[in-house]
Amino acid sequence: MADNRTMAQMLQAPIEGYEDAIVVPPINANNFELKQPLINLVQSNKFTGRQDPHNHLRFFNKVTSTFRHPEVPNTSVKLLLFPFSLDGEARDWLDKEPPRSILTWDDLVSKFINQYFPPSKTTYYRNEIITFYQKPNEAFNEAWERFKGLLRQCPHHGFSELHQLDTFYNSLNSNDQDALDSAAGGNFLDKMPQEGLAIIESKSKVRVRSLDHSMD
């Protein structure tokens, strides 16, 4: 087909290519509106590219879970609000994503995490978890909190609860291993994972309380 545009028309800037990367499914709901207080709350903790992306997602999910509409999926609300939660480098990253390339909330989370928590970082934290050990003179509760911190920093570590408990138990000094065995009434690893976790949490809280009392 012949192009009947004039040269002036051909030289004009194109009108295509300005669509957002995020595609929000059509919302056919009556009285749907994103309230400004909700937007303000999302913007109160903006991600710039230098913070922990997992913590940002936790905060964002917590905030957006407060919005309820019977005709609007929560994932659509998340897709609408997420750009408001970004600033600086992170906002530039989203703006540079190809138009209409993010079709679902899972797509967005995957791209966001892979941008700010690359596979090399995952490998680093997985190794830190696998090779974890209780430091000399480190109290039981301090070791447990440090171990949980590593798990939290890399929530997609892929280790089962059994693997986590086995790794932590074998990282402890002999005195703390004996204390866990005693609390378990035998071999700690003979317990079910849920029971083992409860024993560890209980021992950790007892140690914290005893330290608090010693400071009185």
N, C-alpha and C. Protein backbone atom coordinates (compact mmCIF):
# COMPACT_ATOMS: atom_id res chain seq x y z
N MET A 1 0.85 -1.19 0.00
CA MET A 1 0.00 0.00 0.00
C MET A 1 0.88 1.24 0.00
N ALA A 2 0.54 2.18 -0.84
CA ALA A 2 1.32 3.40 -0.96
C ALA A 2 1.15 4.27 0.27
N ASP A 3 2.23 4.92 0.66
CA ASP A 3 2.19 5.83 1.81
C ASP A 3 1.88 7.22 1.28
N ASN A 4 0.68 7.72 1.60
CA ASN A 4 0.23 9.00 1.04
C ASN A 4 0.52 10.19 1.96
N ARG A 5 1.39 9.96 2.98
CA ARG A 5 1.72 11.08 3.86
C ARG A 5 2.70 12.02 3.16
N THR A 6 2.63 13.30 3.56
CA THR A 6 3.59 14.27 3.05
C THR A 6 4.92 14.08 3.76
N MET A 7 5.97 14.68 3.24
CA MET A 7 7.27 14.57 3.89
C MET A 7 7.23 15.18 5.29
N ALA A 8 6.50 16.27 5.45
CA ALA A 8 6.38 16.91 6.77
C ALA A 8 5.74 15.96 7.76
N GLN A 9 4.70 15.24 7.30
CA GLN A 9 4.03 14.28 8.19
C GLN A 9 4.96 13.12 8.55
N MET A 10 5.74 12.66 7.58
CA MET A 10 6.66 11.55 7.83
C MET A 10 7.75 11.93 8.83
N LEU A 11 8.14 13.20 8.84
CA LEU A 11 9.21 13.67 9.71
C LEU A 11 8.74 13.95 11.13
N GLN A 12 7.44 13.90 11.37
CA GLN A 12 6.93 14.15 12.71
C GLN A 12 7.31 13.00 13.65
N ALA A 13 7.46 13.31 14.92
CA ALA A 13 7.79 12.29 15.92
C ALA A 13 6.68 11.24 15.97
N PRO A 14 7.03 9.98 16.13
CA PRO A 14 6.01 8.93 16.18
C PRO A 14 5.17 9.04 17.46
N ILE A 15 3.96 8.55 17.37
CA ILE A 15 3.07 8.60 18.54
C ILE A 15 3.05 7.25 19.26
N GLU A 16 3.71 6.23 18.68
CA GLU A 16 3.75 4.93 19.32
C GLU A 16 4.93 4.85 20.29
N GLY A 17 4.86 3.85 21.16
CA GLY A 17 5.99 3.56 22.04
C GLY A 17 5.97 4.28 23.37
N TYR A 18 4.85 4.92 23.71
CA TYR A 18 4.79 5.65 24.98
C TYR A 18 3.94 4.94 26.03
N GLU A 19 3.59 3.71 25.77
CA GLU A 19 2.79 2.98 26.73
C GLU A 19 3.66 2.52 27.90
N ASP A 20 3.05 2.36 29.05
CA ASP A 20 3.77 1.90 30.23
C ASP A 20 4.16 0.44 30.09
N ALA A 21 5.17 0.05 30.85
CA ALA A 21 5.59 -1.36 30.85
C ALA A 21 4.53 -2.24 31.49
N ILE A 22 3.87 -1.71 32.53
CA ILE A 22 2.89 -2.50 33.27
C ILE A 22 1.52 -2.43 32.60
N VAL A 23 0.96 -3.57 32.33
CA VAL A 23 -0.38 -3.66 31.76
C VAL A 23 -1.34 -4.02 32.88
N VAL A 24 -2.24 -3.12 33.21
CA VAL A 24 -3.23 -3.38 34.25
C VAL A 24 -4.51 -3.89 33.57
N PRO A 25 -5.00 -5.06 33.98
CA PRO A 25 -6.23 -5.59 33.38
C PRO A 25 -7.37 -4.59 33.53
N PRO A 26 -8.29 -4.55 32.57
CA PRO A 26 -9.43 -3.62 32.66
C PRO A 26 -10.19 -3.81 33.97
N ILE A 27 -10.55 -2.71 34.57
CA ILE A 27 -11.31 -2.75 35.83
C ILE A 27 -12.70 -2.21 35.55
N ASN A 28 -13.67 -3.10 35.56
CA ASN A 28 -15.06 -2.72 35.30
C ASN A 28 -15.87 -2.78 36.60
N ALA A 29 -15.48 -1.95 37.52
CA ALA A 29 -16.12 -1.95 38.83
C ALA A 29 -16.70 -0.57 39.12
N ASN A 30 -17.86 -0.57 39.70
CA ASN A 30 -18.49 0.69 40.07
C ASN A 30 -17.83 1.27 41.31
N ASN A 31 -17.67 2.57 41.33
CA ASN A 31 -17.15 3.28 42.50
C ASN A 31 -15.73 2.85 42.88
N PHE A 32 -14.96 2.42 41.89
CA PHE A 32 -13.57 2.06 42.20
C PHE A 32 -12.70 3.31 42.12
N GLU A 33 -11.91 3.51 43.16
CA GLU A 33 -11.01 4.65 43.20
C GLU A 33 -9.87 4.36 44.17
N LEU A 34 -8.68 4.68 43.73
CA LEU A 34 -7.54 4.57 44.63
C LEU A 34 -7.49 5.85 45.46
N LYS A 35 -7.69 5.71 46.75
CA LYS A 35 -7.73 6.87 47.63
C LYS A 35 -6.33 7.46 47.82
N GLN A 36 -6.28 8.76 47.92
CA GLN A 36 -4.99 9.44 48.09
C GLN A 36 -4.24 9.00 49.35
N PRO A 37 -4.92 8.74 50.47
CA PRO A 37 -4.19 8.26 51.67
C PRO A 37 -3.42 6.95 51.41
N LEU A 38 -4.02 6.07 50.59
CA LEU A 38 -3.33 4.82 50.27
C LEU A 38 -2.10 5.09 49.41
N ILE A 39 -2.23 5.97 48.45
CA ILE A 39 -1.09 6.34 47.60
C ILE A 39 0.00 6.98 48.45
N ASN A 40 -0.41 7.85 49.38
CA ASN A 40 0.56 8.50 50.26
C ASN A 40 1.31 7.48 51.11
N LEU A 41 0.59 6.47 51.58
CA LEU A 41 1.22 5.45 52.42
C LEU A 41 2.24 4.65 51.62
N VAL A 42 1.89 4.31 50.37
CA VAL A 42 2.82 3.60 49.49
C VAL A 42 4.07 4.45 49.24
N GLN A 43 3.85 5.76 49.08
CA GLN A 43 4.97 6.66 48.77
C GLN A 43 5.80 7.00 50.01
N SER A 44 5.33 6.61 51.17
CA SER A 44 6.07 6.94 52.40
C SER A 44 7.34 6.10 52.55
N ASN A 45 7.45 5.04 51.77
CA ASN A 45 8.62 4.16 51.87
C ASN A 45 9.07 3.79 50.46
N LYS A 46 9.55 4.78 49.73
CA LYS A 46 9.92 4.57 48.33
C LYS A 46 11.21 3.78 48.21
N PHE A 47 11.26 2.94 47.20
CA PHE A 47 12.46 2.15 46.88
C PHE A 47 13.25 2.88 45.81
N THR A 48 14.52 3.13 46.09
CA THR A 48 15.35 3.88 45.14
C THR A 48 16.36 3.00 44.41
N GLY A 49 16.44 1.72 44.81
CA GLY A 49 17.41 0.83 44.19
C GLY A 49 18.55 0.48 45.12
N ARG A 50 18.58 1.09 46.30
CA ARG A 50 19.68 0.87 47.23
C ARG A 50 19.26 0.15 48.51
N GLN A 51 17.95 -0.08 48.67
CA GLN A 51 17.48 -0.79 49.85
C GLN A 51 17.29 -2.27 49.54
N ASP A 52 16.87 -3.02 50.55
CA ASP A 52 16.59 -4.44 50.38
C ASP A 52 15.29 -4.59 49.59
N PRO A 53 15.32 -5.18 48.39
CA PRO A 53 14.09 -5.30 47.59
C PRO A 53 13.04 -6.19 48.25
N HIS A 54 13.50 -7.19 49.02
CA HIS A 54 12.53 -8.07 49.68
C HIS A 54 11.77 -7.31 50.77
N ASN A 55 12.46 -6.49 51.52
CA ASN A 55 11.79 -5.68 52.54
C ASN A 55 10.80 -4.72 51.90
N HIS A 56 11.17 -4.19 50.75
CA HIS A 56 10.24 -3.27 50.06
C HIS A 56 8.97 -4.01 49.65
N LEU A 57 9.12 -5.21 49.11
CA LEU A 57 7.95 -5.98 48.71
C LEU A 57 7.10 -6.34 49.91
N ARG A 58 7.73 -6.68 51.04
CA ARG A 58 6.97 -7.00 52.25
C ARG A 58 6.13 -5.80 52.69
N PHE A 59 6.77 -4.63 52.71
CA PHE A 59 6.05 -3.41 53.09
C PHE A 59 4.92 -3.12 52.11
N PHE A 60 5.23 -3.21 50.83
CA PHE A 60 4.23 -2.91 49.80
C PHE A 60 3.04 -3.87 49.89
N ASN A 61 3.32 -5.16 50.08
CA ASN A 61 2.24 -6.14 50.19
C ASN A 61 1.38 -5.87 51.43
N LYS A 62 2.03 -5.48 52.51
CA LYS A 62 1.29 -5.19 53.74
C LYS A 62 0.36 -4.00 53.55
N VAL A 63 0.87 -2.96 52.91
CA VAL A 63 0.06 -1.76 52.69
C VAL A 63 -1.11 -2.05 51.75
N THR A 64 -0.82 -2.69 50.62
CA THR A 64 -1.88 -2.92 49.63
C THR A 64 -2.90 -3.96 50.09
N SER A 65 -2.54 -4.78 51.06
CA SER A 65 -3.51 -5.76 51.57
C SER A 65 -4.63 -5.08 52.34
N THR A 66 -4.44 -3.79 52.71
CA THR A 66 -5.48 -3.08 53.45
C THR A 66 -6.60 -2.61 52.52
N PHE A 67 -6.36 -2.67 51.21
CA PHE A 67 -7.39 -2.24 50.25
C PHE A 67 -8.24 -3.43 49.83
N ARG A 68 -9.53 -3.28 49.97
CA ARG A 68 -10.45 -4.36 49.60
C ARG A 68 -11.58 -3.81 48.73
N HIS A 69 -11.82 -4.48 47.61
CA HIS A 69 -12.95 -4.15 46.74
C HIS A 69 -13.47 -5.46 46.18
N PRO A 70 -14.76 -5.72 46.34
CA PRO A 70 -15.30 -7.03 45.92
C PRO A 70 -15.15 -7.33 44.43
N GLU A 71 -14.99 -6.30 43.61
CA GLU A 71 -14.94 -6.51 42.16
C GLU A 71 -13.54 -6.28 41.57
N VAL A 72 -12.58 -5.98 42.42
CA VAL A 72 -11.25 -5.66 41.92
C VAL A 72 -10.22 -6.59 42.56
N PRO A 73 -9.54 -7.40 41.76
CA PRO A 73 -8.50 -8.29 42.33
C PRO A 73 -7.39 -7.47 42.98
N ASN A 74 -6.87 -7.98 44.07
CA ASN A 74 -5.80 -7.27 44.77
C ASN A 74 -4.56 -7.12 43.89
N THR A 75 -4.34 -8.08 42.99
CA THR A 75 -3.17 -7.99 42.10
C THR A 75 -3.28 -6.79 41.16
N SER A 76 -4.49 -6.44 40.76
CA SER A 76 -4.66 -5.26 39.91
C SER A 76 -4.33 -3.99 40.67
N VAL A 77 -4.71 -3.96 41.94
CA VAL A 77 -4.39 -2.81 42.79
C VAL A 77 -2.87 -2.69 42.94
N LYS A 78 -2.20 -3.82 43.12
CA LYS A 78 -0.74 -3.81 43.24
C LYS A 78 -0.07 -3.27 41.97
N LEU A 79 -0.58 -3.71 40.81
CA LEU A 79 0.00 -3.25 39.55
C LEU A 79 -0.19 -1.74 39.37
N LEU A 80 -1.33 -1.24 39.81
CA LEU A 80 -1.59 0.20 39.70
C LEU A 80 -0.71 1.02 40.64
N LEU A 81 -0.49 0.50 41.84
CA LEU A 81 0.20 1.26 42.87
C LEU A 81 1.72 1.15 42.84
N PHE A 82 2.25 0.04 42.31
CA PHE A 82 3.69 -0.20 42.45
C PHE A 82 4.56 0.93 41.90
N PRO A 83 4.24 1.52 40.75
CA PRO A 83 5.09 2.63 40.27
C PRO A 83 5.19 3.77 41.27
N PHE A 84 4.13 3.99 42.08
CA PHE A 84 4.17 5.06 43.08
C PHE A 84 5.17 4.77 44.19
N SER A 85 5.57 3.50 44.32
CA SER A 85 6.47 3.11 45.40
C SER A 85 7.94 3.20 45.00
N LEU A 86 8.21 3.62 43.78
CA LEU A 86 9.59 3.69 43.28
C LEU A 86 10.03 5.13 43.12
N ASP A 87 11.34 5.33 43.20
CA ASP A 87 11.90 6.66 43.01
C ASP A 87 13.33 6.52 42.49
N GLY A 88 13.84 7.60 41.92
CA GLY A 88 15.23 7.64 41.48
C GLY A 88 15.59 6.55 40.49
N GLU A 89 16.67 5.84 40.78
CA GLU A 89 17.17 4.78 39.90
C GLU A 89 16.12 3.71 39.63
N ALA A 90 15.36 3.36 40.66
CA ALA A 90 14.35 2.31 40.49
C ALA A 90 13.23 2.76 39.56
N ARG A 91 12.85 4.01 39.66
CA ARG A 91 11.81 4.53 38.76
C ARG A 91 12.34 4.56 37.32
N ASP A 92 13.60 4.93 37.17
CA ASP A 92 14.20 4.92 35.82
C ASP A 92 14.22 3.51 35.26
N TRP A 93 14.52 2.52 36.12
CA TRP A 93 14.53 1.13 35.66
C TRP A 93 13.17 0.74 35.09
N LEU A 94 12.10 1.03 35.83
CA LEU A 94 10.77 0.65 35.36
C LEU A 94 10.40 1.38 34.08
N ASP A 95 10.77 2.66 34.00
CA ASP A 95 10.45 3.45 32.79
C ASP A 95 11.17 2.91 31.55
N LYS A 96 12.30 2.24 31.75
CA LYS A 96 13.07 1.72 30.61
C LYS A 96 12.64 0.32 30.19
N GLU A 97 11.77 -0.31 30.98
CA GLU A 97 11.27 -1.62 30.58
C GLU A 97 10.41 -1.48 29.32
N PRO A 98 10.45 -2.47 28.41
CA PRO A 98 9.68 -2.37 27.17
C PRO A 98 8.18 -2.16 27.43
N PRO A 99 7.53 -1.37 26.59
CA PRO A 99 6.09 -1.15 26.76
C PRO A 99 5.30 -2.47 26.77
N ARG A 100 4.35 -2.56 27.67
CA ARG A 100 3.44 -3.72 27.78
C ARG A 100 4.20 -5.04 27.96
N SER A 101 5.29 -4.99 28.69
CA SER A 101 6.09 -6.20 28.90
C SER A 101 5.81 -6.88 30.24
N ILE A 102 5.05 -6.20 31.09
CA ILE A 102 4.72 -6.75 32.42
C ILE A 102 3.22 -6.95 32.48
N LEU A 103 2.79 -8.20 32.42
CA LEU A 103 1.36 -8.49 32.28
C LEU A 103 0.70 -8.92 33.58
N THR A 104 1.48 -9.39 34.55
CA THR A 104 0.92 -9.87 35.81
C THR A 104 1.76 -9.39 36.98
N TRP A 105 1.22 -9.52 38.18
CA TRP A 105 1.96 -9.17 39.38
C TRP A 105 3.19 -10.06 39.53
N ASP A 106 3.05 -11.33 39.20
CA ASP A 106 4.20 -12.24 39.27
C ASP A 106 5.31 -11.80 38.31
N ASP A 107 4.92 -11.33 37.11
CA ASP A 107 5.91 -10.80 36.16
C ASP A 107 6.69 -9.65 36.80
N LEU A 108 5.95 -8.75 37.44
CA LEU A 108 6.57 -7.56 38.02
C LEU A 108 7.51 -7.93 39.16
N VAL A 109 7.08 -8.82 40.03
CA VAL A 109 7.92 -9.24 41.15
C VAL A 109 9.19 -9.91 40.64
N SER A 110 9.05 -10.78 39.63
CA SER A 110 10.20 -11.48 39.07
C SER A 110 11.22 -10.50 38.48
N LYS A 111 10.75 -9.54 37.70
CA LYS A 111 11.67 -8.57 37.09
C LYS A 111 12.31 -7.68 38.15
N PHE A 112 11.53 -7.29 39.12
CA PHE A 112 12.02 -6.41 40.18
C PHE A 112 13.11 -7.10 41.01
N ILE A 113 12.84 -8.33 41.42
CA ILE A 113 13.81 -9.06 42.24
C ILE A 113 15.07 -9.38 41.45
N ASN A 114 14.92 -9.79 40.21
CA ASN A 114 16.10 -10.12 39.40
C ASN A 114 16.94 -8.89 39.07
N GLN A 115 16.30 -7.72 39.06
CA GLN A 115 17.04 -6.49 38.83
C GLN A 115 17.86 -6.08 40.06
N TYR A 116 17.25 -6.22 41.24
CA TYR A 116 17.90 -5.70 42.45
C TYR A 116 18.38 -6.80 43.40
N PHE A 117 18.18 -8.04 43.04
CA PHE A 117 18.74 -9.15 43.80
C PHE A 117 19.15 -10.21 42.79
N PRO A 118 20.24 -9.96 42.04
CA PRO A 118 20.65 -10.84 40.95
C PRO A 118 21.06 -12.22 41.44
N PRO A 119 21.14 -13.20 40.54
CA PRO A 119 21.52 -14.57 40.91
C PRO A 119 22.81 -14.66 41.70
N SER A 120 23.77 -13.78 41.41
CA SER A 120 25.05 -13.82 42.14
C SER A 120 24.84 -13.54 43.63
N LYS A 121 23.89 -12.67 43.93
CA LYS A 121 23.59 -12.35 45.33
C LYS A 121 22.89 -13.53 46.00
N THR A 122 22.02 -14.20 45.26
CA THR A 122 21.36 -15.39 45.79
C THR A 122 22.39 -16.45 46.13
N THR A 123 23.35 -16.66 45.23
CA THR A 123 24.42 -17.64 45.47
C THR A 123 25.21 -17.29 46.72
N TYR A 124 25.50 -16.01 46.90
CA TYR A 124 26.25 -15.57 48.07
C TYR A 124 25.51 -15.93 49.36
N TYR A 125 24.23 -15.59 49.42
CA TYR A 125 23.48 -15.85 50.65
C TYR A 125 23.23 -17.34 50.87
N ARG A 126 23.04 -18.08 49.80
CA ARG A 126 22.90 -19.54 49.95
C ARG A 126 24.16 -20.14 50.56
N ASN A 127 25.31 -19.66 50.12
CA ASN A 127 26.58 -20.14 50.68
C ASN A 127 26.72 -19.74 52.14
N GLU A 128 26.28 -18.51 52.47
CA GLU A 128 26.34 -18.05 53.86
C GLU A 128 25.46 -18.93 54.76
N ILE A 129 24.32 -19.35 54.23
CA ILE A 129 23.40 -20.21 55.01
C ILE A 129 24.01 -21.60 55.17
N ILE A 130 24.52 -22.16 54.08
CA ILE A 130 25.07 -23.51 54.10
C ILE A 130 26.27 -23.60 55.04
N THR A 131 27.11 -22.58 55.05
CA THR A 131 28.35 -22.61 55.84
C THR A 131 28.20 -21.90 57.19
N PHE A 132 26.97 -21.66 57.60
CA PHE A 132 26.74 -20.93 58.86
C PHE A 132 27.34 -21.69 60.04
N TYR A 133 27.92 -20.94 60.98
CA TYR A 133 28.42 -21.56 62.21
C TYR A 133 28.27 -20.56 63.34
N GLN A 134 28.12 -21.08 64.55
CA GLN A 134 28.02 -20.23 65.73
C GLN A 134 29.40 -19.67 66.06
N LYS A 135 29.49 -18.36 66.19
CA LYS A 135 30.78 -17.74 66.47
C LYS A 135 31.21 -18.01 67.91
N PRO A 136 32.51 -17.99 68.17
CA PRO A 136 32.99 -18.14 69.55
C PRO A 136 32.37 -17.08 70.45
N ASN A 137 31.90 -17.49 71.61
CA ASN A 137 31.30 -16.58 72.59
C ASN A 137 29.97 -15.97 72.12
N GLU A 138 29.40 -16.50 71.03
CA GLU A 138 28.11 -16.01 70.56
C GLU A 138 27.00 -16.77 71.28
N ALA A 139 26.10 -16.05 71.91
CA ALA A 139 25.00 -16.68 72.64
C ALA A 139 24.07 -17.39 71.66
N PHE A 140 23.34 -18.39 72.19
CA PHE A 140 22.43 -19.16 71.36
C PHE A 140 21.43 -18.27 70.64
N ASN A 141 20.79 -17.37 71.40
CA ASN A 141 19.75 -16.52 70.78
C ASN A 141 20.35 -15.60 69.73
N GLU A 142 21.60 -15.15 69.93
CA GLU A 142 22.25 -14.29 68.95
C GLU A 142 22.53 -15.06 67.66
N ALA A 143 22.97 -16.30 67.80
CA ALA A 143 23.22 -17.13 66.61
C ALA A 143 21.92 -17.39 65.86
N TRP A 144 20.87 -17.67 66.60
CA TRP A 144 19.57 -17.96 65.97
C TRP A 144 19.05 -16.74 65.23
N GLU A 145 19.14 -15.56 65.85
CA GLU A 145 18.67 -14.35 65.19
C GLU A 145 19.50 -14.05 63.94
N ARG A 146 20.79 -14.29 64.01
CA ARG A 146 21.66 -14.06 62.84
C ARG A 146 21.32 -15.04 61.72
N PHE A 147 21.05 -16.28 62.08
CA PHE A 147 20.69 -17.29 61.07
C PHE A 147 19.35 -16.92 60.42
N LYS A 148 18.38 -16.53 61.23
CA LYS A 148 17.08 -16.13 60.67
C LYS A 148 17.23 -14.90 59.78
N GLY A 149 18.16 -14.02 60.14
CA GLY A 149 18.39 -12.85 59.31
C GLY A 149 18.88 -13.21 57.92
N LEU A 150 19.76 -14.21 57.84
CA LEU A 150 20.23 -14.66 56.53
C LEU A 150 19.09 -15.24 55.70
N LEU A 151 18.22 -16.02 56.35
CA LEU A 151 17.08 -16.60 55.65
C LEU A 151 16.14 -15.51 55.15
N ARG A 152 15.96 -14.49 55.96
CA ARG A 152 15.05 -13.41 55.59
C ARG A 152 15.61 -12.56 54.46
N GLN A 153 16.93 -12.40 54.42
CA GLN A 153 17.54 -11.60 53.36
C GLN A 153 17.49 -12.28 52.00
N CYS A 154 17.27 -13.59 52.02
CA CYS A 154 17.18 -14.34 50.76
C CYS A 154 16.01 -15.33 50.87
N PRO A 155 14.77 -14.83 50.85
CA PRO A 155 13.62 -15.70 51.08
C PRO A 155 13.41 -16.78 50.02
N HIS A 156 14.07 -16.63 48.87
CA HIS A 156 13.96 -17.65 47.82
C HIS A 156 15.18 -18.58 47.86
N HIS A 157 15.75 -18.78 49.05
CA HIS A 157 16.95 -19.62 49.20
C HIS A 157 16.72 -21.07 48.78
N GLY A 158 15.49 -21.54 48.89
CA GLY A 158 15.16 -22.89 48.42
C GLY A 158 15.41 -24.00 49.42
N PHE A 159 15.86 -23.68 50.63
CA PHE A 159 16.12 -24.71 51.63
C PHE A 159 14.84 -25.04 52.39
N SER A 160 14.57 -26.33 52.53
CA SER A 160 13.39 -26.75 53.28
C SER A 160 13.57 -26.44 54.76
N GLU A 161 12.48 -26.47 55.51
CA GLU A 161 12.56 -26.23 56.94
C GLU A 161 13.46 -27.27 57.61
N LEU A 162 13.40 -28.51 57.14
CA LEU A 162 14.26 -29.57 57.67
C LEU A 162 15.73 -29.22 57.46
N HIS A 163 16.07 -28.79 56.25
CA HIS A 163 17.46 -28.43 55.93
C HIS A 163 17.92 -27.26 56.79
N GLN A 164 17.05 -26.28 56.99
CA GLN A 164 17.39 -25.12 57.81
C GLN A 164 17.71 -25.54 59.25
N LEU A 165 16.83 -26.35 59.83
CA LEU A 165 17.02 -26.77 61.22
C LEU A 165 18.26 -27.65 61.38
N ASP A 166 18.47 -28.53 60.41
CA ASP A 166 19.65 -29.40 60.46
C ASP A 166 20.93 -28.58 60.37
N THR A 167 20.93 -27.58 59.47
CA THR A 167 22.10 -26.72 59.31
C THR A 167 22.37 -25.94 60.60
N PHE A 168 21.32 -25.39 61.18
CA PHE A 168 21.51 -24.59 62.39
C PHE A 168 21.98 -25.46 63.55
N TYR A 169 21.36 -26.61 63.73
CA TYR A 169 21.73 -27.50 64.84
C TYR A 169 23.21 -27.90 64.74
N ASN A 170 23.64 -28.26 63.54
CA ASN A 170 25.02 -28.71 63.36
C ASN A 170 26.03 -27.57 63.39
N SER A 171 25.54 -26.33 63.38
CA SER A 171 26.44 -25.18 63.45
C SER A 171 26.76 -24.80 64.89
N LEU A 172 26.01 -25.36 65.84
CA LEU A 172 26.12 -24.93 67.24
C LEU A 172 27.31 -25.58 67.95
N ASN A 173 27.75 -24.93 69.02
CA ASN A 173 28.77 -25.55 69.86
C ASN A 173 28.15 -26.72 70.62
N SER A 174 28.98 -27.55 71.20
CA SER A 174 28.49 -28.79 71.83
C SER A 174 27.55 -28.51 73.00
N ASN A 175 27.80 -27.44 73.75
CA ASN A 175 26.93 -27.13 74.89
C ASN A 175 25.51 -26.79 74.44
N ASP A 176 25.39 -25.99 73.39
CA ASP A 176 24.06 -25.61 72.91
C ASP A 176 23.38 -26.78 72.20
N GLN A 177 24.15 -27.63 71.54
CA GLN A 177 23.56 -28.85 70.97
C GLN A 177 23.00 -29.74 72.08
N ASP A 178 23.77 -29.90 73.15
CA ASP A 178 23.31 -30.71 74.28
C ASP A 178 22.05 -30.12 74.90
N ALA A 179 21.99 -28.79 74.98
CA ALA A 179 20.82 -28.13 75.55
C ALA A 179 19.58 -28.39 74.69
N LEU A 180 19.75 -28.36 73.38
CA LEU A 180 18.61 -28.66 72.49
C LEU A 180 18.19 -30.12 72.62
N ASP A 181 19.16 -31.02 72.69
CA ASP A 181 18.85 -32.44 72.87
C ASP A 181 18.09 -32.65 74.18
N SER A 182 18.52 -31.96 75.22
CA SER A 182 17.86 -32.09 76.52
C SER A 182 16.43 -31.57 76.45
N ALA A 183 16.24 -30.43 75.80
CA ALA A 183 14.89 -29.87 75.66
C ALA A 183 14.00 -30.77 74.82
N ALA A 184 14.62 -31.51 73.90
CA ALA A 184 13.85 -32.42 73.03
C ALA A 184 13.62 -33.77 73.70
N GLY A 185 14.24 -33.98 74.87
CA GLY A 185 14.09 -35.27 75.55
C GLY A 185 14.83 -36.39 74.85
N GLY A 186 15.91 -36.07 74.18
CA GLY A 186 16.68 -37.06 73.42
C GLY A 186 17.43 -36.36 72.31
N ASN A 187 17.49 -36.99 71.14
CA ASN A 187 18.14 -36.37 69.98
C ASN A 187 17.22 -35.33 69.37
N PHE A 188 17.70 -34.09 69.30
CA PHE A 188 16.89 -32.99 68.74
C PHE A 188 16.37 -33.33 67.35
N LEU A 189 17.20 -33.99 66.53
CA LEU A 189 16.82 -34.27 65.14
C LEU A 189 15.80 -35.40 65.02
N ASP A 190 15.45 -36.05 66.15
CA ASP A 190 14.39 -37.04 66.12
C ASP A 190 13.01 -36.41 66.18
N LYS A 191 12.95 -35.10 66.40
CA LYS A 191 11.68 -34.39 66.47
C LYS A 191 11.19 -34.03 65.07
N MET A 192 9.88 -33.78 64.96
CA MET A 192 9.32 -33.26 63.71
C MET A 192 9.84 -31.83 63.52
N PRO A 193 9.95 -31.36 62.27
CA PRO A 193 10.47 -30.01 62.05
C PRO A 193 9.72 -28.93 62.83
N GLN A 194 8.39 -29.02 62.88
CA GLN A 194 7.62 -28.00 63.59
C GLN A 194 7.95 -28.02 65.08
N GLU A 195 8.15 -29.22 65.62
CA GLU A 195 8.51 -29.34 67.04
C GLU A 195 9.91 -28.79 67.29
N GLY A 196 10.82 -29.09 66.38
CA GLY A 196 12.19 -28.59 66.51
C GLY A 196 12.24 -27.08 66.49
N LEU A 197 11.47 -26.47 65.59
CA LEU A 197 11.43 -25.01 65.50
C LEU A 197 10.88 -24.41 66.80
N ALA A 198 9.85 -25.04 67.35
CA ALA A 198 9.26 -24.54 68.60
C ALA A 198 10.27 -24.63 69.74
N ILE A 199 11.06 -25.70 69.77
CA ILE A 199 12.08 -25.86 70.82
C ILE A 199 13.14 -24.78 70.71
N ILE A 200 13.58 -24.51 69.49
CA ILE A 200 14.60 -23.47 69.28
C ILE A 200 14.08 -22.10 69.68
N GLU A 201 12.86 -21.78 69.24
CA GLU A 201 12.28 -20.48 69.57
C GLU A 201 12.12 -20.33 71.09
N SER A 202 11.69 -21.40 71.74
CA SER A 202 11.51 -21.37 73.20
C SER A 202 12.85 -21.15 73.91
N LYS A 203 13.87 -21.88 73.49
CA LYS A 203 15.20 -21.75 74.10
C LYS A 203 15.75 -20.35 73.86
N SER A 204 15.52 -19.80 72.67
CA SER A 204 16.00 -18.47 72.35
C SER A 204 15.36 -17.43 73.25
N LYS A 205 14.05 -17.54 73.49
CA LYS A 205 13.35 -16.57 74.32
C LYS A 205 13.76 -16.68 75.79
N VAL A 206 13.99 -17.91 76.24
CA VAL A 206 14.44 -18.10 77.62
C VAL A 206 15.79 -17.43 77.82
N ARG A 207 16.69 -17.59 76.86
CA ARG A 207 18.03 -17.00 76.96
C ARG A 207 17.93 -15.48 76.98
N VAL A 208 17.02 -14.93 76.14
CA VAL A 208 16.86 -13.48 76.11
C VAL A 208 16.36 -12.97 77.45
N ARG A 209 15.38 -13.67 78.02
CA ARG A 209 14.82 -13.24 79.31
C ARG A 209 15.88 -13.30 80.41
N SER A 210 16.69 -14.37 80.39
CA SER A 210 17.72 -14.50 81.43
C SER A 210 18.75 -13.39 81.31
N LEU A 211 19.08 -12.98 80.08
CA LEU A 211 20.02 -11.89 79.88
C LEU A 211 19.42 -10.58 80.37
N ASP A 212 18.10 -10.38 80.11
CA ASP A 212 17.43 -9.17 80.56
C ASP A 212 17.46 -9.07 82.08
N HIS A 213 17.20 -10.21 82.77
CA HIS A 213 17.16 -10.20 84.23
C HIS A 213 18.56 -9.93 84.81
N SER A 214 19.59 -10.43 84.10
CA SER A 214 20.95 -10.25 84.61
C SER A 214 21.39 -8.80 84.58
N MET A 215 20.67 -7.99 83.77
CA MET A 215 21.02 -6.58 83.63
C MET A 215 20.26 -5.71 84.62
N ASP A 216 19.28 -6.31 85.34
CA ASP A 216 18.48 -5.52 86.29
C ASP A 216 19.32 -5.14 87.51
